[in-house]
Amino acid sequence: MQETPRGGLSPILVIFLISGALGFITAGVMLMNETRTSPLPTPNTSLNNPLPASRPLRDWIADDFELSSLSGETVRLSDFAGRPVFINFWWTGCPPCEEEFPAFEQFIAEQGDDGAVILAVNQAGESPAEIQAFLDRIDVHNVPILLDPDYIMPRLYPYTGFPTTYFIDATGQVRYQKIGTITLEQLYSYLAESES
């Protein structure tokens, strides 16, 4: 057995101290890298999902929610009780999402104040300024935009990619989930089917 010089550290103790210090440094680097990543994974804009592009849903009463609009107003699903509602999940970096917005604006204009509603819920944690710049660029100004910074909506209305749209009929029943771009004709088709 080797003797430790008086007042010195044993070689084994030095190895343990160095190992512990390296462990703390490694954990700190990993923690710093984790906090720098985005809270959302890169959104999947692919339309090649395992689910069909549109699937009927039955026996599902829509869950109410409360989100802020782009202008800071509180919006609840229950504010539109008795009216059909389309809930659309999107983000500004999604080309298929961008394709939908002109159809949304036309649909909203044709529905008037008492008709069906579209609520476009941003799901990328983007700032109001980023979203407004996107809307200005595509010249869309009348689509209600909701912000979901706490990502409560995916727990209430799950989705696998962007865009995804849920259709809720006037009775509050969730009728369809549409994965991928929804057209003006499809908006009217869902609406007509719910009224028949």
C-alpha atoms as a PDB file:
ATOM      1  CA  MET A   1       0.000   0.000   0.000  1.00  0.00           C
ATOM      2  CA  GLN A   2       1.367   3.379  -0.984  1.00  0.00           C
ATOM      3  CA  GLU A   3       1.574   6.067   1.642  1.00  0.00           C
ATOM      4  CA  THR A   4       0.159   9.501   1.066  1.00  0.00           C
ATOM      5  CA  PRO A   5       2.540  12.337   1.870  1.00  0.00           C
ATOM      6  CA  ARG A   6       1.521  14.255   4.936  1.00  0.00           C
ATOM      7  CA  GLY A   7      -0.845  17.113   4.027  1.00  0.00           C
ATOM      8  CA  GLY A   8      -1.273  15.850   0.415  1.00  0.00           C
ATOM      9  CA  LEU A   9      -4.157  14.145  -1.361  1.00  0.00           C
ATOM     10  CA  SER A  10      -4.243  10.514  -2.269  1.00  0.00           C
ATOM     11  CA  PRO A  11      -4.149   9.836  -6.040  1.00  0.00           C
ATOM     12  CA  ILE A  12      -7.500   8.031  -5.831  1.00  0.00           C
ATOM     13  CA  LEU A  13      -9.141  11.043  -4.186  1.00  0.00           C
ATOM     14  CA  VAL A  14      -7.726  13.323  -6.898  1.00  0.00           C
ATOM     15  CA  ILE A  15      -9.208  11.048  -9.596  1.00  0.00           C
ATOM     16  CA  PHE A  16     -12.638  11.145  -7.898  1.00  0.00           C
ATOM     17  CA  LEU A  17     -12.526  14.940  -7.608  1.00  0.00           C
ATOM     18  CA  ILE A  18     -11.573  15.381 -11.270  1.00  0.00           C
ATOM     19  CA  SER A  19     -14.292  12.912 -12.372  1.00  0.00           C
ATOM     20  CA  GLY A  20     -16.902  14.775 -10.346  1.00  0.00           C
ATOM     21  CA  ALA A  21     -15.859  18.145 -11.769  1.00  0.00           C
ATOM     22  CA  LEU A  22     -16.021  16.775 -15.321  1.00  0.00           C
ATOM     23  CA  GLY A  23     -19.499  15.387 -14.598  1.00  0.00           C
ATOM     24  CA  PHE A  24     -20.741  18.795 -13.439  1.00  0.00           C
ATOM     25  CA  ILE A  25     -19.244  20.511 -16.488  1.00  0.00           C
ATOM     26  CA  THR A  26     -20.836  17.957 -18.850  1.00  0.00           C
ATOM     27  CA  ALA A  27     -24.243  18.328 -17.164  1.00  0.00           C
ATOM     28  CA  GLY A  28     -23.998  22.128 -17.403  1.00  0.00           C
ATOM     29  CA  VAL A  29     -23.172  22.034 -21.116  1.00  0.00           C
ATOM     30  CA  MET A  30     -26.057  19.632 -21.784  1.00  0.00           C
ATOM     31  CA  LEU A  31     -28.478  21.826 -19.832  1.00  0.00           C
ATOM     32  CA  MET A  32     -27.378  24.954 -21.719  1.00  0.00           C
ATOM     33  CA  ASN A  33     -27.877  23.218 -25.065  1.00  0.00           C
ATOM     34  CA  GLU A  34     -31.314  21.963 -24.048  1.00  0.00           C
ATOM     35  CA  THR A  35     -32.557  25.436 -23.100  1.00  0.00           C
ATOM     36  CA  ARG A  36     -31.432  26.870 -26.447  1.00  0.00           C
ATOM     37  CA  THR A  37     -33.601  24.552 -28.515  1.00  0.00           C
ATOM     38  CA  SER A  38     -37.087  25.484 -29.676  1.00  0.00           C
ATOM     39  CA  PRO A  39     -40.025  24.398 -27.505  1.00  0.00           C
ATOM     40  CA  LEU A  40     -41.609  22.807 -30.584  1.00  0.00           C
ATOM     41  CA  PRO A  41     -40.080  20.218 -32.857  1.00  0.00           C
ATOM     42  CA  THR A  42     -39.760  21.266 -36.463  1.00  0.00           C
ATOM     43  CA  PRO A  43     -43.339  21.155 -37.692  1.00  0.00           C
ATOM     44  CA  ASN A  44     -44.218  18.402 -40.130  1.00  0.00           C
ATOM     45  CA  THR A  45     -45.756  20.021 -43.169  1.00  0.00           C
ATOM     46  CA  SER A  46     -45.830  16.755 -45.070  1.00  0.00           C
ATOM     47  CA  LEU A  47     -49.196  15.508 -46.182  1.00  0.00           C
ATOM     48  CA  ASN A  48     -47.951  11.908 -46.028  1.00  0.00           C
ATOM     49  CA  ASN A  49     -49.504  11.131 -42.664  1.00  0.00           C
ATOM     50  CA  PRO A  50     -50.649   7.722 -41.454  1.00  0.00           C
ATOM     51  CA  LEU A  51     -54.120   9.182 -40.899  1.00  0.00           C
ATOM     52  CA  PRO A  52     -56.455   9.772 -43.827  1.00  0.00           C
ATOM     53  CA  ALA A  53     -56.621  13.352 -45.091  1.00  0.00           C
ATOM     54  CA  SER A  54     -60.053  13.776 -43.546  1.00  0.00           C
ATOM     55  CA  ARG A  55     -61.622  11.587 -40.939  1.00  0.00           C
ATOM     56  CA  PRO A  56     -65.055  11.775 -39.393  1.00  0.00           C
ATOM     57  CA  LEU A  57     -65.215  11.984 -35.634  1.00  0.00           C
ATOM     58  CA  ARG A  58     -68.197  10.892 -33.574  1.00  0.00           C
ATOM     59  CA  ASP A  59     -69.435  11.433 -30.025  1.00  0.00           C
ATOM     60  CA  TRP A  60     -66.932  14.150 -29.228  1.00  0.00           C
ATOM     61  CA  ILE A  61     -68.266  17.359 -27.733  1.00  0.00           C
ATOM     62  CA  ALA A  62     -65.821  20.203 -28.342  1.00  0.00           C
ATOM     63  CA  ASP A  63     -63.732  21.277 -25.371  1.00  0.00           C
ATOM     64  CA  ASP A  64     -63.941  24.968 -24.558  1.00  0.00           C
ATOM     65  CA  PHE A  65     -60.710  26.940 -24.449  1.00  0.00           C
ATOM     66  CA  GLU A  66     -59.530  30.478 -23.833  1.00  0.00           C
ATOM     67  CA  LEU A  67     -56.748  32.063 -25.896  1.00  0.00           C
ATOM     68  CA  SER A  68     -55.638  35.579 -26.781  1.00  0.00           C
ATOM     69  CA  SER A  69     -56.188  37.048 -30.208  1.00  0.00           C
ATOM     70  CA  LEU A  70     -53.444  38.776 -32.154  1.00  0.00           C
ATOM     71  CA  SER A  71     -54.822  42.087 -30.853  1.00  0.00           C
ATOM     72  CA  GLY A  72     -54.768  40.861 -27.228  1.00  0.00           C
ATOM     73  CA  GLU A  73     -58.487  40.164 -26.755  1.00  0.00           C
ATOM     74  CA  THR A  74     -59.604  37.026 -24.917  1.00  0.00           C
ATOM     75  CA  VAL A  75     -61.382  34.547 -27.191  1.00  0.00           C
ATOM     76  CA  ARG A  76     -63.249  31.434 -26.046  1.00  0.00           C
ATOM     77  CA  LEU A  77     -64.762  28.719 -28.185  1.00  0.00           C
ATOM     78  CA  SER A  78     -67.971  29.205 -26.189  1.00  0.00           C
ATOM     79  CA  ASP A  79     -68.155  32.779 -27.569  1.00  0.00           C
ATOM     80  CA  PHE A  80     -69.363  31.148 -30.802  1.00  0.00           C
ATOM     81  CA  ALA A  81     -71.982  28.801 -29.300  1.00  0.00           C
ATOM     82  CA  GLY A  82     -74.621  27.890 -31.869  1.00  0.00           C
ATOM     83  CA  ARG A  83     -72.317  28.592 -34.821  1.00  0.00           C
ATOM     84  CA  PRO A  84     -70.154  26.162 -36.803  1.00  0.00           C
ATOM     85  CA  VAL A  85     -66.446  26.652 -36.056  1.00  0.00           C
ATOM     86  CA  PHE A  86     -63.314  25.603 -37.906  1.00  0.00           C
ATOM     87  CA  ILE A  87     -60.195  25.456 -35.703  1.00  0.00           C
ATOM     88  CA  ASN A  88     -57.067  25.590 -37.842  1.00  0.00           C
ATOM     89  CA  PHE A  89     -53.558  24.835 -36.550  1.00  0.00           C
ATOM     90  CA  TRP A  90     -50.779  26.544 -38.483  1.00  0.00           C
ATOM     91  CA  TRP A  91     -47.489  28.455 -38.382  1.00  0.00           C
ATOM     92  CA  THR A  92     -45.870  31.058 -40.652  1.00  0.00           C
ATOM     93  CA  GLY A  93     -43.167  28.745 -42.027  1.00  0.00           C
ATOM     94  CA  CYS A  94     -45.684  26.243 -43.414  1.00  0.00           C
ATOM     95  CA  PRO A  95     -46.315  26.694 -47.185  1.00  0.00           C
ATOM     96  CA  PRO A  96     -49.571  24.647 -47.162  1.00  0.00           C
ATOM     97  CA  CYS A  97     -50.786  26.818 -44.268  1.00  0.00           C
ATOM     98  CA  GLU A  98     -50.092  29.942 -46.304  1.00  0.00           C
ATOM     99  CA  GLU A  99     -52.134  28.522 -49.206  1.00  0.00           C
ATOM    100  CA  GLU A 100     -55.222  28.286 -46.975  1.00  0.00           C
ATOM    101  CA  PHE A 101     -55.382  31.876 -45.771  1.00  0.00           C
ATOM    102  CA  PRO A 102     -56.886  33.531 -48.893  1.00  0.00           C
ATOM    103  CA  ALA A 103     -59.665  30.891 -48.857  1.00  0.00           C
ATOM    104  CA  PHE A 104     -60.210  31.546 -45.138  1.00  0.00           C
ATOM    105  CA  GLU A 105     -60.545  35.267 -45.746  1.00  0.00           C
ATOM    106  CA  GLN A 106     -63.049  34.738 -48.575  1.00  0.00           C
ATOM    107  CA  PHE A 107     -65.056  32.226 -46.515  1.00  0.00           C
ATOM    108  CA  ILE A 108     -65.222  34.575 -43.519  1.00  0.00           C
ATOM    109  CA  ALA A 109     -66.402  37.469 -45.722  1.00  0.00           C
ATOM    110  CA  GLU A 110     -69.126  35.292 -47.255  1.00  0.00           C
ATOM    111  CA  GLN A 111     -70.317  33.987 -43.865  1.00  0.00           C
ATOM    112  CA  GLY A 112     -71.017  37.380 -42.351  1.00  0.00           C
ATOM    113  CA  ASP A 113     -71.461  38.089 -38.653  1.00  0.00           C
ATOM    114  CA  ASP A 114     -73.721  35.123 -37.841  1.00  0.00           C
ATOM    115  CA  GLY A 115     -72.243  32.401 -40.039  1.00  0.00           C
ATOM    116  CA  ALA A 116     -69.479  29.875 -39.569  1.00  0.00           C
ATOM    117  CA  VAL A 117     -66.232  30.975 -37.937  1.00  0.00           C
ATOM    118  CA  ILE A 118     -62.589  30.140 -38.595  1.00  0.00           C
ATOM    119  CA  LEU A 119     -60.139  30.406 -35.697  1.00  0.00           C
ATOM    120  CA  ALA A 120     -56.528  30.133 -36.905  1.00  0.00           C
ATOM    121  CA  VAL A 121     -54.412  29.049 -33.924  1.00  0.00           C
ATOM    122  CA  ASN A 122     -50.685  29.687 -34.306  1.00  0.00           C
ATOM    123  CA  GLN A 123     -48.756  26.687 -32.974  1.00  0.00           C
ATOM    124  CA  ALA A 124     -45.131  27.783 -33.263  1.00  0.00           C
ATOM    125  CA  GLY A 125     -44.888  30.278 -30.425  1.00  0.00           C
ATOM    126  CA  GLU A 126     -44.340  33.072 -32.916  1.00  0.00           C
ATOM    127  CA  SER A 127     -44.602  36.674 -31.756  1.00  0.00           C
ATOM    128  CA  PRO A 128     -47.519  38.901 -32.755  1.00  0.00           C
ATOM    129  CA  ALA A 129     -45.065  40.992 -34.817  1.00  0.00           C
ATOM    130  CA  GLU A 130     -43.877  37.914 -36.758  1.00  0.00           C
ATOM    131  CA  ILE A 131     -47.454  36.826 -37.398  1.00  0.00           C
ATOM    132  CA  GLN A 132     -48.560  40.311 -38.464  1.00  0.00           C
ATOM    133  CA  ALA A 133     -45.621  40.552 -40.892  1.00  0.00           C
ATOM    134  CA  PHE A 134     -46.692  37.206 -42.393  1.00  0.00           C
ATOM    135  CA  LEU A 135     -50.316  38.358 -42.753  1.00  0.00           C
ATOM    136  CA  ASP A 136     -49.222  41.648 -44.328  1.00  0.00           C
ATOM    137  CA  ARG A 137     -46.967  39.801 -46.771  1.00  0.00           C
ATOM    138  CA  ILE A 138     -49.811  37.543 -47.970  1.00  0.00           C
ATOM    139  CA  ASP A 139     -52.333  40.421 -47.828  1.00  0.00           C
ATOM    140  CA  VAL A 140     -54.749  38.713 -45.414  1.00  0.00           C
ATOM    141  CA  HIS A 141     -56.359  40.899 -42.757  1.00  0.00           C
ATOM    142  CA  ASN A 142     -59.679  39.424 -41.582  1.00  0.00           C
ATOM    143  CA  VAL A 143     -58.821  35.922 -40.378  1.00  0.00           C
ATOM    144  CA  PRO A 144     -59.081  35.663 -36.568  1.00  0.00           C
ATOM    145  CA  ILE A 145     -55.629  34.663 -35.296  1.00  0.00           C
ATOM    146  CA  LEU A 146     -55.252  33.107 -31.850  1.00  0.00           C
ATOM    147  CA  LEU A 147     -52.016  32.657 -29.911  1.00  0.00           C
ATOM    148  CA  ASP A 148     -51.265  29.508 -27.915  1.00  0.00           C
ATOM    149  CA  PRO A 149     -47.922  30.190 -26.196  1.00  0.00           C
ATOM    150  CA  ASP A 150     -48.565  27.492 -23.569  1.00  0.00           C
ATOM    151  CA  TYR A 151     -49.509  24.863 -26.194  1.00  0.00           C
ATOM    152  CA  ILE A 152     -52.805  23.913 -24.542  1.00  0.00           C
ATOM    153  CA  MET A 153     -54.553  23.219 -27.844  1.00  0.00           C
ATOM    154  CA  PRO A 154     -52.698  20.023 -28.843  1.00  0.00           C
ATOM    155  CA  ARG A 155     -53.934  18.437 -25.609  1.00  0.00           C
ATOM    156  CA  LEU A 156     -57.530  19.341 -26.471  1.00  0.00           C
ATOM    157  CA  TYR A 157     -57.351  18.867 -30.252  1.00  0.00           C
ATOM    158  CA  PRO A 158     -54.417  16.587 -31.154  1.00  0.00           C
ATOM    159  CA  TYR A 159     -52.716  16.858 -34.530  1.00  0.00           C
ATOM    160  CA  THR A 160     -49.785  15.217 -36.313  1.00  0.00           C
ATOM    161  CA  GLY A 161     -48.772  17.911 -38.794  1.00  0.00           C
ATOM    162  CA  PHE A 162     -49.536  21.307 -40.230  1.00  0.00           C
ATOM    163  CA  PRO A 163     -51.981  22.448 -41.288  1.00  0.00           C
ATOM    164  CA  THR A 164     -54.691  20.558 -39.435  1.00  0.00           C
ATOM    165  CA  THR A 165     -58.284  21.770 -39.200  1.00  0.00           C
ATOM    166  CA  TYR A 166     -61.075  20.584 -36.925  1.00  0.00           C
ATOM    167  CA  PHE A 167     -64.702  21.217 -37.833  1.00  0.00           C
ATOM    168  CA  ILE A 168     -67.180  21.710 -34.987  1.00  0.00           C
ATOM    169  CA  ASP A 169     -70.856  21.867 -35.943  1.00  0.00           C
ATOM    170  CA  ALA A 170     -73.407  24.321 -34.536  1.00  0.00           C
ATOM    171  CA  THR A 171     -74.341  21.877 -31.743  1.00  0.00           C
ATOM    172  CA  GLY A 172     -70.747  21.768 -30.454  1.00  0.00           C
ATOM    173  CA  GLN A 173     -70.009  18.309 -31.860  1.00  0.00           C
ATOM    174  CA  VAL A 174     -66.513  17.818 -33.316  1.00  0.00           C
ATOM    175  CA  ARG A 175     -67.338  16.334 -36.716  1.00  0.00           C
ATOM    176  CA  TYR A 176     -64.118  16.192 -38.730  1.00  0.00           C
ATOM    177  CA  GLN A 177     -60.374  16.479 -38.563  1.00  0.00           C
ATOM    178  CA  LYS A 178     -58.761  17.526 -41.863  1.00  0.00           C
ATOM    179  CA  ILE A 179     -55.019  16.999 -42.193  1.00  0.00           C
ATOM    180  CA  GLY A 180     -53.381  19.112 -44.875  1.00  0.00           C
ATOM    181  CA  THR A 181     -54.569  22.107 -46.850  1.00  0.00           C
ATOM    182  CA  ILE A 182     -58.292  22.775 -46.700  1.00  0.00           C
ATOM    183  CA  THR A 183     -59.908  24.501 -49.679  1.00  0.00           C
ATOM    184  CA  LEU A 184     -62.840  26.890 -49.898  1.00  0.00           C
ATOM    185  CA  GLU A 185     -64.908  24.100 -51.465  1.00  0.00           C
ATOM    186  CA  GLN A 186     -64.078  21.746 -48.581  1.00  0.00           C
ATOM    187  CA  LEU A 187     -65.055  24.371 -45.999  1.00  0.00           C
ATOM    188  CA  TYR A 188     -68.473  24.633 -47.655  1.00  0.00           C
ATOM    189  CA  SER A 189     -68.721  20.849 -48.014  1.00  0.00           C
ATOM    190  CA  TYR A 190     -68.203  20.287 -44.267  1.00  0.00           C
ATOM    191  CA  LEU A 191     -70.686  23.043 -43.523  1.00  0.00           C
ATOM    192  CA  ALA A 192     -73.343  21.616 -45.872  1.00  0.00           C
ATOM    193  CA  GLU A 193     -72.923  18.105 -44.508  1.00  0.00           C
ATOM    194  CA  SER A 194     -73.425  19.309 -40.938  1.00  0.00           C
ATOM    195  CA  GLU A 195     -76.642  21.076 -41.923  1.00  0.00           C
ATOM    196  CA  SER A 196     -78.178  18.039 -43.636  1.00  0.00           C
END
